Amino acid sequence: MTVKAYILVVTDPGATKRVFEALQAVPGVTELHEVMGPYDIIAEINVPTLVEVPPILSSRIRIIPGIQSTTSLVSFPESE
């Protein structure tokens, strides 16, 4: 089973490109999109178990300079 989470990221003005590049190096991040609207970046994370999501958020993503806030959405696992 794979757990998929979407992280909606708000960046400081002018920091979006720098944050995007930093997110590319985070283990578990499989897809990134710069978007328009209330969020600046959407990151998709794929990990084997749910317990792996919080450490990635707290120790790898939220510490990136230029991130103002994040909103996390964890999808229901796909039935096999």
N, C-alpha and C. Protein backbone atom coordinates (compact mmCIF):
# COMPACT_ATOMS: atom_id res chain seq x y z
N MET A 1 0.84 -1.18 0.00
CA MET A 1 0.00 0.00 0.00
C MET A 1 0.89 1.24 0.00
N THR A 2 0.53 2.19 -0.79
CA THR A 2 1.24 3.47 -0.83
C THR A 2 0.33 4.57 -0.32
N VAL A 3 0.90 5.45 0.49
CA VAL A 3 0.16 6.60 0.99
C VAL A 3 0.57 7.80 0.16
N LYS A 4 -0.44 8.52 -0.32
CA LYS A 4 -0.20 9.69 -1.14
C LYS A 4 -0.70 10.91 -0.38
N ALA A 5 0.12 11.96 -0.34
CA ALA A 5 -0.28 13.21 0.32
C ALA A 5 0.01 14.36 -0.62
N TYR A 6 -0.83 15.37 -0.54
CA TYR A 6 -0.64 16.59 -1.31
C TYR A 6 -0.34 17.71 -0.33
N ILE A 7 0.72 18.44 -0.58
CA ILE A 7 1.13 19.52 0.29
C ILE A 7 0.94 20.83 -0.48
N LEU A 8 0.06 21.68 0.03
CA LEU A 8 -0.21 22.98 -0.57
C LEU A 8 0.69 23.99 0.13
N VAL A 9 1.53 24.67 -0.64
CA VAL A 9 2.57 25.51 -0.08
C VAL A 9 2.34 26.98 -0.44
N VAL A 10 2.44 27.84 0.57
CA VAL A 10 2.43 29.29 0.36
C VAL A 10 3.85 29.76 0.62
N THR A 11 4.42 30.50 -0.33
CA THR A 11 5.79 30.97 -0.20
C THR A 11 5.83 32.48 0.05
N ASP A 12 6.97 32.93 0.54
CA ASP A 12 7.21 34.36 0.64
C ASP A 12 7.26 34.94 -0.77
N PRO A 13 6.89 36.22 -0.94
CA PRO A 13 6.99 36.84 -2.26
C PRO A 13 8.42 36.72 -2.81
N GLY A 14 8.52 36.26 -4.04
CA GLY A 14 9.81 36.12 -4.69
C GLY A 14 10.57 34.85 -4.36
N ALA A 15 10.03 33.99 -3.50
CA ALA A 15 10.75 32.79 -3.08
C ALA A 15 10.25 31.51 -3.75
N THR A 16 9.26 31.61 -4.59
CA THR A 16 8.63 30.40 -5.14
C THR A 16 9.62 29.52 -5.90
N LYS A 17 10.40 30.08 -6.78
CA LYS A 17 11.36 29.27 -7.57
C LYS A 17 12.37 28.58 -6.66
N ARG A 18 12.87 29.30 -5.67
CA ARG A 18 13.86 28.74 -4.73
C ARG A 18 13.25 27.60 -3.91
N VAL A 19 12.02 27.78 -3.45
CA VAL A 19 11.33 26.74 -2.68
C VAL A 19 11.06 25.53 -3.58
N PHE A 20 10.62 25.77 -4.80
CA PHE A 20 10.35 24.70 -5.76
C PHE A 20 11.59 23.83 -5.95
N GLU A 21 12.74 24.47 -6.14
CA GLU A 21 13.99 23.73 -6.34
C GLU A 21 14.36 22.93 -5.09
N ALA A 22 14.15 23.50 -3.92
CA ALA A 22 14.45 22.79 -2.67
C ALA A 22 13.53 21.58 -2.49
N LEU A 23 12.28 21.71 -2.87
CA LEU A 23 11.33 20.61 -2.75
C LEU A 23 11.69 19.44 -3.66
N GLN A 24 12.34 19.71 -4.77
CA GLN A 24 12.74 18.64 -5.68
C GLN A 24 13.70 17.66 -5.02
N ALA A 25 14.43 18.10 -4.02
CA ALA A 25 15.42 17.25 -3.35
C ALA A 25 14.85 16.49 -2.15
N VAL A 26 13.58 16.70 -1.82
CA VAL A 26 12.99 16.05 -0.65
C VAL A 26 12.60 14.62 -0.99
N PRO A 27 13.09 13.64 -0.23
CA PRO A 27 12.72 12.24 -0.48
C PRO A 27 11.21 12.05 -0.34
N GLY A 28 10.64 11.30 -1.26
CA GLY A 28 9.21 11.04 -1.21
C GLY A 28 8.40 11.98 -2.10
N VAL A 29 8.95 13.13 -2.46
CA VAL A 29 8.25 14.06 -3.35
C VAL A 29 8.34 13.50 -4.77
N THR A 30 7.18 13.22 -5.34
CA THR A 30 7.16 12.60 -6.67
C THR A 30 6.68 13.54 -7.76
N GLU A 31 6.01 14.63 -7.37
CA GLU A 31 5.49 15.55 -8.36
C GLU A 31 5.38 16.94 -7.73
N LEU A 32 5.68 17.96 -8.53
CA LEU A 32 5.60 19.35 -8.08
C LEU A 32 4.95 20.19 -9.17
N HIS A 33 4.13 21.16 -8.74
CA HIS A 33 3.51 22.08 -9.68
C HIS A 33 3.47 23.47 -9.07
N GLU A 34 3.91 24.45 -9.84
CA GLU A 34 3.66 25.85 -9.46
C GLU A 34 2.25 26.16 -9.90
N VAL A 35 1.48 26.80 -9.03
CA VAL A 35 0.08 27.07 -9.34
C VAL A 35 -0.25 28.53 -9.01
N MET A 36 -1.39 28.98 -9.54
CA MET A 36 -1.91 30.31 -9.24
C MET A 36 -3.09 30.16 -8.30
N GLY A 37 -3.28 31.12 -7.44
CA GLY A 37 -4.39 31.08 -6.50
C GLY A 37 -3.87 31.30 -5.09
N PRO A 38 -4.57 30.76 -4.10
CA PRO A 38 -4.14 31.00 -2.72
C PRO A 38 -2.86 30.25 -2.35
N TYR A 39 -2.45 29.28 -3.16
CA TYR A 39 -1.22 28.53 -2.92
C TYR A 39 -0.26 28.78 -4.07
N ASP A 40 1.02 28.58 -3.82
CA ASP A 40 2.04 28.81 -4.84
C ASP A 40 2.59 27.53 -5.45
N ILE A 41 2.62 26.46 -4.64
CA ILE A 41 3.17 25.18 -5.09
C ILE A 41 2.30 24.05 -4.53
N ILE A 42 2.10 23.02 -5.33
CA ILE A 42 1.49 21.78 -4.86
C ILE A 42 2.54 20.69 -5.01
N ALA A 43 2.82 20.00 -3.92
CA ALA A 43 3.78 18.89 -3.93
C ALA A 43 3.03 17.59 -3.65
N GLU A 44 3.35 16.56 -4.40
CA GLU A 44 2.77 15.25 -4.14
C GLU A 44 3.85 14.38 -3.50
N ILE A 45 3.46 13.72 -2.42
CA ILE A 45 4.36 12.82 -1.70
C ILE A 45 3.80 11.41 -1.78
N ASN A 46 4.65 10.44 -2.07
CA ASN A 46 4.27 9.03 -2.05
C ASN A 46 5.22 8.31 -1.12
N VAL A 47 4.67 7.67 -0.09
CA VAL A 47 5.46 6.93 0.89
C VAL A 47 4.76 5.61 1.21
N PRO A 48 5.50 4.63 1.72
CA PRO A 48 4.89 3.33 2.01
C PRO A 48 3.85 3.35 3.13
N THR A 49 4.05 4.18 4.17
CA THR A 49 3.12 4.18 5.30
C THR A 49 2.79 5.60 5.74
N LEU A 50 1.67 5.74 6.40
CA LEU A 50 1.20 7.04 6.88
C LEU A 50 2.17 7.67 7.88
N VAL A 51 2.82 6.87 8.69
CA VAL A 51 3.72 7.42 9.72
C VAL A 51 4.94 8.13 9.13
N GLU A 52 5.18 7.94 7.84
CA GLU A 52 6.31 8.60 7.20
C GLU A 52 5.99 10.03 6.76
N VAL A 53 4.73 10.38 6.70
CA VAL A 53 4.35 11.71 6.24
C VAL A 53 4.75 12.82 7.22
N PRO A 54 4.39 12.74 8.51
CA PRO A 54 4.73 13.84 9.42
C PRO A 54 6.22 14.18 9.50
N PRO A 55 7.13 13.20 9.54
CA PRO A 55 8.55 13.57 9.57
C PRO A 55 9.01 14.31 8.31
N ILE A 56 8.48 13.92 7.17
CA ILE A 56 8.84 14.62 5.93
C ILE A 56 8.37 16.07 6.01
N LEU A 57 7.16 16.25 6.50
CA LEU A 57 6.62 17.61 6.62
C LEU A 57 7.42 18.45 7.60
N SER A 58 7.65 17.93 8.79
CA SER A 58 8.29 18.73 9.84
C SER A 58 9.79 18.88 9.67
N SER A 59 10.46 17.84 9.21
CA SER A 59 11.92 17.86 9.16
C SER A 59 12.51 18.19 7.79
N ARG A 60 11.69 18.08 6.73
CA ARG A 60 12.23 18.28 5.38
C ARG A 60 11.56 19.42 4.63
N ILE A 61 10.25 19.60 4.82
CA ILE A 61 9.54 20.60 4.03
C ILE A 61 9.36 21.92 4.78
N ARG A 62 8.79 21.89 5.96
CA ARG A 62 8.48 23.13 6.66
C ARG A 62 9.71 23.93 7.07
N ILE A 63 10.87 23.33 7.02
CA ILE A 63 12.10 24.04 7.39
C ILE A 63 12.73 24.78 6.20
N ILE A 64 12.19 24.60 5.01
CA ILE A 64 12.76 25.24 3.82
C ILE A 64 12.56 26.75 3.93
N PRO A 65 13.63 27.52 3.83
CA PRO A 65 13.49 28.98 3.88
C PRO A 65 12.61 29.48 2.74
N GLY A 66 11.71 30.39 3.06
CA GLY A 66 10.81 30.96 2.06
C GLY A 66 9.41 30.39 2.11
N ILE A 67 9.20 29.34 2.91
CA ILE A 67 7.85 28.80 3.05
C ILE A 67 7.14 29.54 4.18
N GLN A 68 5.99 30.11 3.86
CA GLN A 68 5.16 30.78 4.87
C GLN A 68 4.27 29.79 5.60
N SER A 69 3.62 28.91 4.82
CA SER A 69 2.70 27.94 5.43
C SER A 69 2.49 26.76 4.50
N THR A 70 2.00 25.67 5.10
CA THR A 70 1.64 24.49 4.32
C THR A 70 0.29 23.97 4.79
N THR A 71 -0.41 23.34 3.88
CA THR A 71 -1.64 22.62 4.19
C THR A 71 -1.47 21.22 3.62
N SER A 72 -1.74 20.22 4.44
CA SER A 72 -1.52 18.84 4.02
C SER A 72 -2.85 18.12 3.80
N LEU A 73 -2.92 17.39 2.71
CA LEU A 73 -4.09 16.59 2.38
C LEU A 73 -3.62 15.17 2.13
N VAL A 74 -4.02 14.24 2.95
CA VAL A 74 -3.63 12.85 2.79
C VAL A 74 -4.80 12.11 2.14
N SER A 75 -4.51 11.43 1.03
CA SER A 75 -5.59 10.71 0.35
C SER A 75 -5.80 9.35 0.97
N PHE A 76 -6.99 8.82 0.77
CA PHE A 76 -7.28 7.47 1.23
C PHE A 76 -6.48 6.49 0.40
N PRO A 77 -5.94 5.44 1.02
CA PRO A 77 -5.17 4.46 0.24
C PRO A 77 -6.05 3.80 -0.80
N GLU A 78 -5.44 3.47 -1.93
CA GLU A 78 -6.17 2.79 -2.99
C GLU A 78 -6.37 1.34 -2.60
N SER A 79 -7.55 0.83 -2.86
CA SER A 79 -7.83 -0.59 -2.58
C SER A 79 -7.15 -1.44 -3.64
N GLU A 80 -6.61 -2.54 -3.18
CA GLU A 80 -5.95 -3.44 -4.14
C GLU A 80 -6.76 -4.68 -4.34
